[in-house]
PDB file of N, CA and C in Angstrom:
ATOM      1  N   MET A   1     176.002  38.169 116.086  1.00  0.00           N
ATOM      2  CA  MET A   1     176.525  39.190 117.131  1.00  0.00           C
ATOM      3  C   MET A   1     176.085  40.555 116.098  1.00  0.00           C
ATOM      4  N   ALA A   2     175.517  41.438 116.564  1.00  0.00           N
ATOM      5  CA  ALA A   2     175.336  42.845 115.927  1.00  0.00           C
ATOM      6  C   ALA A   2     176.693  43.455 115.912  1.00  0.00           C
ATOM      7  N   ARG A   3     176.442  44.315 114.638  1.00  0.00           N
ATOM      8  CA  ARG A   3     177.668  44.970 114.243  1.00  0.00           C
ATOM      9  C   ARG A   3     177.573  46.524 114.461  1.00  0.00           C
ATOM     10  N   VAL A   4     178.274  47.341 115.251  1.00  0.00           N
ATOM     11  CA  VAL A   4     178.191  48.727 115.316  1.00  0.00           C
ATOM     12  C   VAL A   4     178.901  49.234 114.239  1.00  0.00           C
ATOM     13  N   GLU A   5     177.940  50.358 113.524  1.00  0.00           N
ATOM     14  CA  GLU A   5     178.553  50.859 112.222  1.00  0.00           C
ATOM     15  C   GLU A   5     179.657  51.927 112.964  1.00  0.00           C
ATOM     16  N   ASP A   6     180.469  52.437 112.238  1.00  0.00           N
ATOM     17  CA  ASP A   6     181.365  53.859 112.621  1.00  0.00           C
ATOM     18  C   ASP A   6     180.491  54.914 112.690  1.00  0.00           C
ATOM     19  N   LYS A   7     179.580  55.024 111.749  1.00  0.00           N
ATOM     20  CA  LYS A   7     178.504  56.241 112.054  1.00  0.00           C
ATOM     21  C   LYS A   7     178.041  56.280 112.882  1.00  0.00           C
ATOM     22  N   ASP A   8     177.238  55.372 113.345  1.00  0.00           N
ATOM     23  CA  ASP A   8     176.814  55.086 114.855  1.00  0.00           C
ATOM     24  C   ASP A   8     177.420  55.264 116.240  1.00  0.00           C
ATOM     25  N   ILE A   9     178.870  55.198 116.026  1.00  0.00           N
ATOM     26  CA  ILE A   9     179.679  55.369 117.118  1.00  0.00           C
ATOM     27  C   ILE A   9     180.166  56.775 117.030  1.00  0.00           C
ATOM     28  N   GLU A  10     180.239  57.653 115.879  1.00  0.00           N
ATOM     29  CA  GLU A  10     180.639  58.928 115.743  1.00  0.00           C
ATOM     30  C   GLU A  10     179.214  59.578 116.176  1.00  0.00           C
ATOM     31  N   LYS A  11     178.090  59.051 116.032  1.00  0.00           N
ATOM     32  CA  LYS A  11     176.904  59.870 116.578  1.00  0.00           C
ATOM     33  C   LYS A  11     176.822  59.732 118.121  1.00  0.00           C
ATOM     34  N   PHE A  12     177.205  58.522 118.582  1.00  0.00           N
ATOM     35  CA  PHE A  12     176.936  58.565 120.024  1.00  0.00           C
ATOM     36  C   PHE A  12     178.010  59.393 120.309  1.00  0.00           C
ATOM     37  N   GLU A  13     179.091  59.583 120.041  1.00  0.00           N
ATOM     38  CA  GLU A  13     180.448  60.460 120.576  1.00  0.00           C
ATOM     39  C   GLU A  13     179.725  61.978 120.537  1.00  0.00           C
ATOM     40  N   GLU A  14     179.152  62.362 119.445  1.00  0.00           N
ATOM     41  CA  GLU A  14     178.517  63.656 119.217  1.00  0.00           C
ATOM     42  C   GLU A  14     177.607  64.127 120.522  1.00  0.00           C
ATOM     43  N   GLU A  15     176.765  63.018 120.683  1.00  0.00           N
ATOM     44  CA  GLU A  15     175.870  63.361 121.812  1.00  0.00           C
ATOM     45  C   GLU A  15     176.628  63.218 123.205  1.00  0.00           C
ATOM     46  N   LEU A  16     177.449  62.669 123.173  1.00  0.00           N
ATOM     47  CA  LEU A  16     178.263  62.390 124.611  1.00  0.00           C
ATOM     48  C   LEU A  16     178.839  63.846 124.900  1.00  0.00           C
ATOM     49  N   VAL A  17     179.459  64.621 123.613  1.00  0.00           N
ATOM     50  CA  VAL A  17     180.163  65.806 123.856  1.00  0.00           C
ATOM     51  C   VAL A  17     178.931  66.750 124.148  1.00  0.00           C
ATOM     52  N   LYS A  18     177.686  66.501 123.407  1.00  0.00           N
ATOM     53  CA  LYS A  18     176.606  67.465 123.765  1.00  0.00           C
ATOM     54  C   LYS A  18     176.262  67.538 125.058  1.00  0.00           C
ATOM     55  N   ALA A  19     176.128  66.277 125.651  1.00  0.00           N
ATOM     56  CA  ALA A  19     175.591  66.252 126.952  1.00  0.00           C
ATOM     57  C   ALA A  19     176.885  66.736 128.032  1.00  0.00           C
ATOM     58  N   GLY A  20     178.135  66.507 127.580  1.00  0.00           N
ATOM     59  CA  GLY A  20     179.393  66.946 128.508  1.00  0.00           C
ATOM     60  C   GLY A  20     179.149  68.658 128.575  1.00  0.00           C
ATOM     61  N   LEU A  21     178.952  69.082 127.215  1.00  0.00           N
ATOM     62  CA  LEU A  21     178.894  70.841 127.111  1.00  0.00           C
ATOM     63  C   LEU A  21     177.725  71.256 128.364  1.00  0.00           C
ATOM     64  N   PHE A  22     176.742  70.492 128.013  1.00  0.00           N
ATOM     65  CA  PHE A  22     175.463  70.858 128.871  1.00  0.00           C
ATOM     66  C   PHE A  22     175.987  70.824 130.412  1.00  0.00           C
ATOM     67  N   THR A  23     176.666  69.456 130.845  1.00  0.00           N
ATOM     68  CA  THR A  23     176.901  69.564 132.153  1.00  0.00           C
ATOM     69  C   THR A  23     177.949  70.615 132.651  1.00  0.00           C
ATOM     70  N   VAL A  24     178.938  71.126 131.715  1.00  0.00           N
ATOM     71  CA  VAL A  24     179.970  71.898 132.043  1.00  0.00           C
ATOM     72  C   VAL A  24     179.060  73.427 132.621  1.00  0.00           C
ATOM     73  N   ARG A  25     177.852  73.531 131.401  1.00  0.00           N
ATOM     74  CA  ARG A  25     177.483  74.899 131.697  1.00  0.00           C
ATOM     75  C   ARG A  25     176.472  74.995 133.035  1.00  0.00           C
ATOM     76  N   ARG A  26     175.834  73.992 133.296  1.00  0.00           N
ATOM     77  CA  ARG A  26     175.159  73.653 134.342  1.00  0.00           C
ATOM     78  C   ARG A  26     175.748  73.746 135.730  1.00  0.00           C
ATOM     79  N   ALA A  27     177.153  72.989 135.608  1.00  0.00           N
ATOM     80  CA  ALA A  27     177.979  73.013 136.701  1.00  0.00           C
ATOM     81  C   ALA A  27     178.468  74.242 137.345  1.00  0.00           C
ATOM     82  N   LYS A  28     178.994  75.011 136.169  1.00  0.00           N
ATOM     83  CA  LYS A  28     179.019  76.381 136.293  1.00  0.00           C
ATOM     84  C   LYS A  28     178.131  77.391 136.909  1.00  0.00           C
ATOM     85  N   GLN A  29     176.832  77.110 136.541  1.00  0.00           N
ATOM     86  CA  GLN A  29     175.698  77.853 137.171  1.00  0.00           C
ATOM     87  C   GLN A  29     175.516  77.406 138.661  1.00  0.00           C
ATOM     88  N   ARG A  30     175.788  76.100 139.256  1.00  0.00           N
ATOM     89  CA  ARG A  30     175.536  75.740 140.054  1.00  0.00           C
ATOM     90  C   ARG A  30     177.000  75.861 141.214  1.00  0.00           C
ATOM     91  N   VAL A  31     177.805  76.013 141.026  1.00  0.00           N
ATOM     92  CA  VAL A  31     179.048  76.011 141.709  1.00  0.00           C
ATOM     93  C   VAL A  31     179.282  77.052 142.661  1.00  0.00           C
ATOM     94  N   ARG A  32     179.786  76.865 143.585  1.00  0.00           N
ATOM     95  CA  ARG A  32     179.737  78.113 144.549  1.00  0.00           C
ATOM     96  C   ARG A  32     181.149  78.893 143.938  1.00  0.00           C
ATOM     97  N   VAL A  33     181.007  80.187 144.218  1.00  0.00           N
ATOM     98  CA  VAL A  33     181.926  80.992 143.566  1.00  0.00           C
ATOM     99  C   VAL A  33     182.505  82.054 144.776  1.00  0.00           C
ATOM    100  N   ASP A  34     183.948  82.104 144.778  1.00  0.00           N
ATOM    101  CA  ASP A  34     184.644  82.997 145.551  1.00  0.00           C
ATOM    102  C   ASP A  34     185.463  83.611 144.880  1.00  0.00           C
ATOM    103  N   THR A  35     186.414  83.298 144.394  1.00  0.00           N
ATOM    104  CA  THR A  35     187.504  83.705 143.366  1.00  0.00           C
ATOM    105  C   THR A  35     187.042  83.552 142.011  1.00  0.00           C
ATOM    106  N   GLY A  36     186.369  82.459 141.663  1.00  0.00           N
ATOM    107  CA  GLY A  36     186.093  82.387 140.181  1.00  0.00           C
ATOM    108  C   GLY A  36     186.783  81.273 139.745  1.00  0.00           C
ATOM    109  N   ARG A  37     187.909  80.533 140.228  1.00  0.00           N
ATOM    110  CA  ARG A  37     189.057  79.667 139.474  1.00  0.00           C
ATOM    111  C   ARG A  37     188.264  78.342 139.604  1.00  0.00           C
ATOM    112  N   LEU A  38     187.758  77.774 140.657  1.00  0.00           N
ATOM    113  CA  LEU A  38     186.915  76.516 140.259  1.00  0.00           C
ATOM    114  C   LEU A  38     185.720  76.648 139.197  1.00  0.00           C
ATOM    115  N   ARG A  39     184.975  77.878 139.159  1.00  0.00           N
ATOM    116  CA  ARG A  39     184.040  77.828 138.036  1.00  0.00           C
ATOM    117  C   ARG A  39     184.594  77.647 136.780  1.00  0.00           C
ATOM    118  N   SER A  40     185.712  78.562 136.856  1.00  0.00           N
ATOM    119  CA  SER A  40     186.563  78.376 135.581  1.00  0.00           C
ATOM    120  C   SER A  40     187.391  77.228 134.860  1.00  0.00           C
ATOM    121  N   SER A  41     187.665  76.249 136.196  1.00  0.00           N
ATOM    122  CA  SER A  41     188.260  75.370 135.591  1.00  0.00           C
ATOM    123  C   SER A  41     187.513  74.106 135.361  1.00  0.00           C
ATOM    124  N   ILE A  42     186.261  74.112 135.109  1.00  0.00           N
ATOM    125  CA  ILE A  42     185.184  73.163 134.847  1.00  0.00           C
ATOM    126  C   ILE A  42     185.269  73.162 133.558  1.00  0.00           C
ATOM    127  N   THR A  43     185.877  71.931 133.160  1.00  0.00           N
ATOM    128  CA  THR A  43     185.913  71.698 131.558  1.00  0.00           C
ATOM    129  C   THR A  43     185.429  70.349 130.932  1.00  0.00           C
ATOM    130  N   LEU A  44     185.694  70.315 129.551  1.00  0.00           N
ATOM    131  CA  LEU A  44     185.318  69.176 129.045  1.00  0.00           C
ATOM    132  C   LEU A  44     186.506  68.279 128.145  1.00  0.00           C
ATOM    133  N   ALA A  45     186.605  67.280 128.224  1.00  0.00           N
ATOM    134  CA  ALA A  45     187.757  66.837 127.120  1.00  0.00           C
ATOM    135  C   ALA A  45     187.131  65.495 126.819  1.00  0.00           C
ATOM    136  N   ASP A  46     187.693  64.889 125.503  1.00  0.00           N
ATOM    137  CA  ASP A  46     187.240  63.574 125.084  1.00  0.00           C
ATOM    138  C   ASP A  46     188.910  63.105 124.551  1.00  0.00           C
ATOM    139  N   SER A  47     188.968  62.192 123.982  1.00  0.00           N
ATOM    140  CA  SER A  47     190.079  61.355 123.693  1.00  0.00           C
ATOM    141  C   SER A  47     190.875  62.354 122.703  1.00  0.00           C
ATOM    142  N   THR A  48     190.441  63.393 122.143  1.00  0.00           N
ATOM    143  CA  THR A  48     191.192  63.923 121.168  1.00  0.00           C
ATOM    144  C   THR A  48     192.092  65.170 122.145  1.00  0.00           C
ATOM    145  N   GLY A  49     191.537  65.643 123.263  1.00  0.00           N
ATOM    146  CA  GLY A  49     192.274  66.715 124.100  1.00  0.00           C
ATOM    147  C   GLY A  49     190.657  67.532 124.493  1.00  0.00           C
ATOM    148  N   LEU A  50     191.078  68.820 125.063  1.00  0.00           N
ATOM    149  CA  LEU A  50     190.316  69.557 125.774  1.00  0.00           C
ATOM    150  C   LEU A  50     189.221  70.125 124.359  1.00  0.00           C
ATOM    151  N   ILE A  51     188.139  70.156 125.087  1.00  0.00           N
ATOM    152  CA  ILE A  51     186.981  70.857 124.428  1.00  0.00           C
ATOM    153  C   ILE A  51     186.335  72.116 124.870  1.00  0.00           C
ATOM    154  N   GLN A  52     186.555  73.464 124.246  1.00  0.00           N
ATOM    155  CA  GLN A  52     186.199  74.490 125.445  1.00  0.00           C
ATOM    156  C   GLN A  52     184.954  75.353 124.237  1.00  0.00           C
ATOM    157  N   GLN A  53     184.147  76.104 125.032  1.00  0.00           N
ATOM    158  CA  GLN A  53     183.494  77.002 123.975  1.00  0.00           C
ATOM    159  C   GLN A  53     184.047  78.237 124.162  1.00  0.00           C
ATOM    160  N   PRO A  54     183.911  79.042 123.003  1.00  0.00           N
ATOM    161  CA  PRO A  54     184.407  80.334 123.061  1.00  0.00           C
ATOM    162  C   PRO A  54     183.990  81.117 124.260  1.00  0.00           C
ATOM    163  N   GLY A  55     185.159  81.770 124.692  1.00  0.00           N
ATOM    164  CA  GLY A  55     185.370  82.618 125.855  1.00  0.00           C
ATOM    165  C   GLY A  55     185.180  81.861 127.299  1.00  0.00           C
ATOM    166  N   THR A  56     185.456  80.424 127.490  1.00  0.00           N
ATOM    167  CA  THR A  56     185.330  80.207 128.460  1.00  0.00           C
ATOM    168  C   THR A  56     187.102  79.142 128.695  1.00  0.00           C
ATOM    169  N   GLU A  57     188.116  80.076 128.435  1.00  0.00           N
ATOM    170  CA  GLU A  57     189.560  79.548 128.247  1.00  0.00           C
ATOM    171  C   GLU A  57     189.491  79.220 129.812  1.00  0.00           C
ATOM    172  N   ALA A  58     190.137  77.759 130.083  1.00  0.00           N
ATOM    173  CA  ALA A  58     190.353  77.531 131.462  1.00  0.00           C
ATOM    174  C   ALA A  58     192.218  77.238 131.151  1.00  0.00           C
ATOM    175  N   SER A  59     192.881  77.769 132.282  1.00  0.00           N
ATOM    176  CA  SER A  59     194.222  77.677 132.318  1.00  0.00           C
ATOM    177  C   SER A  59     194.458  76.112 132.236  1.00  0.00           C
ATOM    178  N   ASN A  60     195.581  75.424 131.507  1.00  0.00           N
ATOM    179  CA  ASN A  60     195.883  74.177 131.413  1.00  0.00           C
ATOM    180  C   ASN A  60     196.048  72.917 132.692  1.00  0.00           C
ATOM    181  N   GLN A  61     196.569  73.853 133.469  1.00  0.00           N
ATOM    182  CA  GLN A  61     197.063  73.134 134.553  1.00  0.00           C
ATOM    183  C   GLN A  61     195.575  73.005 135.767  1.00  0.00           C
ATOM    184  N   ASP A  62     194.509  73.866 135.477  1.00  0.00           N
ATOM    185  CA  ASP A  62     192.910  73.409 136.087  1.00  0.00           C
ATOM    186  C   ASP A  62     192.140  72.786 135.125  1.00  0.00           C
ATOM    187  N   ALA A  63     192.632  72.575 133.979  1.00  0.00           N
ATOM    188  CA  ALA A  63     191.563  71.590 133.174  1.00  0.00           C
ATOM    189  C   ALA A  63     191.685  70.265 133.207  1.00  0.00           C
ATOM    190  N   VAL A  64     190.346  69.781 132.912  1.00  0.00           N
ATOM    191  CA  VAL A  64     190.252  68.227 133.304  1.00  0.00           C
ATOM    192  C   VAL A  64     191.252  67.509 132.486  1.00  0.00           C
ATOM    193  N   ASN A  65     191.868  66.495 132.881  1.00  0.00           N
ATOM    194  CA  ASN A  65     192.785  65.495 131.578  1.00  0.00           C
ATOM    195  C   ASN A  65     191.722  64.953 130.741  1.00  0.00           C
ATOM    196  N   PRO A  66     192.010  64.556 129.300  1.00  0.00           N
ATOM    197  CA  PRO A  66     191.469  63.975 128.507  1.00  0.00           C
ATOM    198  C   PRO A  66     191.394  62.279 129.028  1.00  0.00           C
ATOM    199  N   PRO A  67     190.508  61.893 128.761  1.00  0.00           N
ATOM    200  CA  PRO A  67     190.352  60.429 128.678  1.00  0.00           C
ATOM    201  C   PRO A  67     191.295  59.503 128.087  1.00  0.00           C
ATOM    202  N   ASN A  68     191.813  58.513 128.584  1.00  0.00           N
ATOM    203  CA  ASN A  68     192.587  57.674 127.616  1.00  0.00           C
ATOM    204  C   ASN A  68     192.280  56.726 126.684  1.00  0.00           C
ATOM    205  N   GLN A  69     191.011  56.281 126.743  1.00  0.00           N
ATOM    206  CA  GLN A  69     190.193  55.925 125.578  1.00  0.00           C
ATOM    207  C   GLN A  69     189.146  56.778 124.970  1.00  0.00           C
ATOM    208  N   LYS A  70     188.413  56.259 124.298  1.00  0.00           N
ATOM    209  CA  LYS A  70     186.981  57.066 123.738  1.00  0.00           C
ATOM    210  C   LYS A  70     186.001  57.085 124.920  1.00  0.00           C
ATOM    211  N   GLY A  71     185.371  58.346 124.501  1.00  0.00           N
ATOM    212  CA  GLY A  71     184.354  59.003 125.556  1.00  0.00           C
ATOM    213  C   GLY A  71     184.508  60.504 126.099  1.00  0.00           C
ATOM    214  N   ILE A  72     184.257  60.782 127.088  1.00  0.00           N
ATOM    215  CA  ILE A  72     184.368  62.094 127.473  1.00  0.00           C
ATOM    216  C   ILE A  72     184.957  62.089 129.079  1.00  0.00           C
ATOM    217  N   ARG A  73     185.280  63.199 129.514  1.00  0.00           N
ATOM    218  CA  ARG A  73     185.713  63.654 131.003  1.00  0.00           C
ATOM    219  C   ARG A  73     184.982  64.928 131.327  1.00  0.00           C
ATOM    220  N   VAL A  74     184.472  64.723 131.914  1.00  0.00           N
ATOM    221  CA  VAL A  74     184.081  66.364 132.493  1.00  0.00           C
ATOM    222  C   VAL A  74     184.516  66.536 133.790  1.00  0.00           C
ATOM    223  N   GLY A  75     185.132  67.690 134.380  1.00  0.00           N
ATOM    224  CA  GLY A  75     185.171  68.172 135.865  1.00  0.00           C
ATOM    225  C   GLY A  75     186.409  69.095 135.900  1.00  0.00           C
ATOM    226  N   THR A  76     187.367  69.032 136.928  1.00  0.00           N
ATOM    227  CA  THR A  76     188.370  70.059 137.218  1.00  0.00           C
ATOM    228  C   THR A  76     189.409  69.470 137.954  1.00  0.00           C
ATOM    229  N   ASN A  77     190.412  69.948 137.524  1.00  0.00           N
ATOM    230  CA  ASN A  77     191.815  69.296 138.642  1.00  0.00           C
ATOM    231  C   ASN A  77     192.213  70.469 139.649  1.00  0.00           C
ATOM    232  N   VAL A  78     191.100  71.235 140.172  1.00  0.00           N
ATOM    233  CA  VAL A  78     191.504  72.182 141.420  1.00  0.00           C
ATOM    234  C   VAL A  78     191.305  71.265 142.427  1.00  0.00           C
ATOM    235  N   VAL A  79     192.511  71.366 143.314  1.00  0.00           N
ATOM    236  CA  VAL A  79     192.700  70.475 144.103  1.00  0.00           C
ATOM    237  C   VAL A  79     191.304  70.637 145.252  1.00  0.00           C
ATOM    238  N   TYR A  80     190.599  71.719 145.386  1.00  0.00           N
ATOM    239  CA  TYR A  80     189.714  71.763 146.412  1.00  0.00           C
ATOM    240  C   TYR A  80     188.241  71.396 145.762  1.00  0.00           C
ATOM    241  N   ALA A  81     188.186  70.975 144.673  1.00  0.00           N
ATOM    242  CA  ALA A  81     187.198  70.749 143.992  1.00  0.00           C
ATOM    243  C   ALA A  81     186.174  69.466 144.786  1.00  0.00           C
ATOM    244  N   ASP A  82     186.973  68.544 145.136  1.00  0.00           N
ATOM    245  CA  ASP A  82     185.987  67.270 145.758  1.00  0.00           C
ATOM    246  C   ASP A  82     185.602  67.841 146.974  1.00  0.00           C
ATOM    247  N   TRP A  83     186.332  68.334 147.957  1.00  0.00           N
ATOM    248  CA  TRP A  83     185.761  69.072 149.206  1.00  0.00           C
ATOM    249  C   TRP A  83     184.334  69.912 148.923  1.00  0.00           C
ATOM    250  N   ILE A  84     184.414  70.695 147.946  1.00  0.00           N
ATOM    251  CA  ILE A  84     183.163  71.436 147.601  1.00  0.00           C
ATOM    252  C   ILE A  84     182.334  70.763 146.947  1.00  0.00           C
ATOM    253  N   GLU A  85     182.492  69.652 146.208  1.00  0.00           N
ATOM    254  CA  GLU A  85     181.407  68.502 145.428  1.00  0.00           C
ATOM    255  C   GLU A  85     180.703  67.868 146.491  1.00  0.00           C
ATOM    256  N   ASN A  86     181.507  67.730 147.684  1.00  0.00           N
ATOM    257  CA  ASN A  86     180.963  66.944 148.702  1.00  0.00           C
ATOM    258  C   ASN A  86     180.080  67.541 149.791  1.00  0.00           C
ATOM    259  N   LEU A  87     180.613  68.879 149.980  1.00  0.00           N
ATOM    260  CA  LEU A  87     179.662  70.029 150.781  1.00  0.00           C
ATOM    261  C   LEU A  87     178.329  70.303 149.944  1.00  0.00           C
ATOM    262  N   ASP A  88     178.620  70.564 148.516  1.00  0.00           N
ATOM    263  CA  ASP A  88     177.570  71.331 148.119  1.00  0.00           C
ATOM    264  C   ASP A  88     177.685  70.941 146.354  1.00  0.00           C
ATOM    265  N   PRO A  89     177.177  69.286 146.154  1.00  0.00           N
ATOM    266  CA  PRO A  89     177.398  68.905 144.911  1.00  0.00           C
ATOM    267  C   PRO A  89     177.057  70.014 143.642  1.00  0.00           C
ATOM    268  N   PHE A  90     177.792  70.170 142.682  1.00  0.00           N
ATOM    269  CA  PHE A  90     177.673  70.572 141.444  1.00  0.00           C
ATOM    270  C   PHE A  90     177.759  70.057 140.343  1.00  0.00           C
ATOM    271  N   LEU A  91     178.680  69.083 140.376  1.00  0.00           N
ATOM    272  CA  LEU A  91     179.281  68.326 139.101  1.00  0.00           C
ATOM    273  C   LEU A  91     178.045  66.952 139.301  1.00  0.00           C
ATOM    274  N   LEU A  92     178.014  66.324 139.963  1.00  0.00           N
ATOM    275  CA  LEU A  92     176.938  65.029 139.765  1.00  0.00           C
ATOM    276  C   LEU A  92     175.648  65.460 139.507  1.00  0.00           C
ATOM    277  N   PRO A  93     175.023  66.392 140.031  1.00  0.00           N
ATOM    278  CA  PRO A  93     173.815  66.598 139.649  1.00  0.00           C
ATOM    279  C   PRO A  93     173.736  67.245 138.335  1.00  0.00           C
ATOM    280  N   SER A  94     174.487  67.898 137.730  1.00  0.00           N
ATOM    281  CA  SER A  94     174.566  68.327 136.110  1.00  0.00           C
ATOM    282  C   SER A  94     174.828  67.161 135.282  1.00  0.00           C
ATOM    283  N   TRP A  95     175.498  66.368 135.835  1.00  0.00           N
ATOM    284  CA  TRP A  95     175.411  65.249 134.733  1.00  0.00           C
ATOM    285  C   TRP A  95     174.315  64.492 134.688  1.00  0.00           C
ATOM    286  N   ASP A  96     173.668  64.231 135.990  1.00  0.00           N
ATOM    287  CA  ASP A  96     172.411  63.455 135.929  1.00  0.00           C
ATOM    288  C   ASP A  96     171.578  64.003 135.191  1.00  0.00           C
ATOM    289  N   GLU A  97     171.584  65.435 135.402  1.00  0.00           N
ATOM    290  CA  GLU A  97     170.614  66.176 134.368  1.00  0.00           C
ATOM    291  C   GLU A  97     170.999  66.302 132.707  1.00  0.00           C
ATOM    292  N   ALA A  98     172.015  65.871 132.398  1.00  0.00           N
ATOM    293  CA  ALA A  98     172.283  65.832 131.211  1.00  0.00           C
ATOM    294  C   ALA A  98     171.869  64.540 130.682  1.00  0.00           C
ATOM    295  N   LYS A  99     172.271  63.378 131.461  1.00  0.00           N
ATOM    296  CA  LYS A  99     171.922  62.190 131.161  1.00  0.00           C
ATOM    297  C   LYS A  99     170.708  61.929 131.133  1.00  0.00           C
ATOM    298  N   GLN A 100     169.727  62.504 131.661  1.00  0.00           N
ATOM    299  CA  GLN A 100     168.314  62.486 131.557  1.00  0.00           C
ATOM    300  C   GLN A 100     167.783  63.264 130.256  1.00  0.00           C
ATOM    301  N   ARG A 101     168.448  64.302 130.146  1.00  0.00           N
ATOM    302  CA  ARG A 101     168.122  65.466 128.922  1.00  0.00           C
ATOM    303  C   ARG A 101     168.438  64.590 127.438  1.00  0.00           C
ATOM    304  N   PHE A 102     169.773  64.096 127.428  1.00  0.00           N
ATOM    305  CA  PHE A 102     170.172  63.494 126.250  1.00  0.00           C
ATOM    306  C   PHE A 102     170.172  61.944 126.082  1.00  0.00           C
ATOM    307  N   ASN A 103     169.197  61.336 126.990  1.00  0.00           N
ATOM    308  CA  ASN A 103     168.963  59.833 127.043  1.00  0.00           C
ATOM    309  C   ASN A 103     170.234  58.900 127.169  1.00  0.00           C
ATOM    310  N   ILE A 104     170.946  59.163 128.051  1.00  0.00           N
ATOM    311  CA  ILE A 104     172.443  58.512 128.128  1.00  0.00           C
ATOM    312  C   ILE A 104     172.220  57.737 129.143  1.00  0.00           C
ATOM    313  N   ARG A 105     172.426  56.260 128.952  1.00  0.00           N
ATOM    314  CA  ARG A 105     172.574  55.478 130.128  1.00  0.00           C
ATOM    315  C   ARG A 105     174.126  54.944 130.403  1.00  0.00           C
ATOM    316  N   THR A 106     173.906  55.024 131.723  1.00  0.00           N
ATOM    317  CA  THR A 106     175.678  54.541 132.088  1.00  0.00           C
ATOM    318  C   THR A 106     175.260  53.327 133.048  1.00  0.00           C
ATOM    319  N   ARG A 107     176.534  52.553 133.199  1.00  0.00           N
ATOM    320  CA  ARG A 107     176.346  51.341 133.912  1.00  0.00           C
ATOM    321  C   ARG A 107     176.389  51.472 135.489  1.00  0.00           C
TER     322      ARG A 107
END
């Protein structure tokens, strides 16, 4: 059985965070804007908590919840986000673009 080194896991997690930040940036460029609440709520979290770039602070109530395990979560807790995503996708195309750019394979 192959053994995965801790440094390999750390490197993969760093790449996931980079892909997540890219996804957040692209999703904010794609999303429809009326008041700006949805756009500002698109955030990234890992198992240690919310990750934000300087100048992009979202209110805690709108920010995505951290995952329970290792990994990342990109999204929003704004109630109407699913409706907008179904009408005019902004998150999934951004994640698909990030997976391709950072060569990330998912199941």
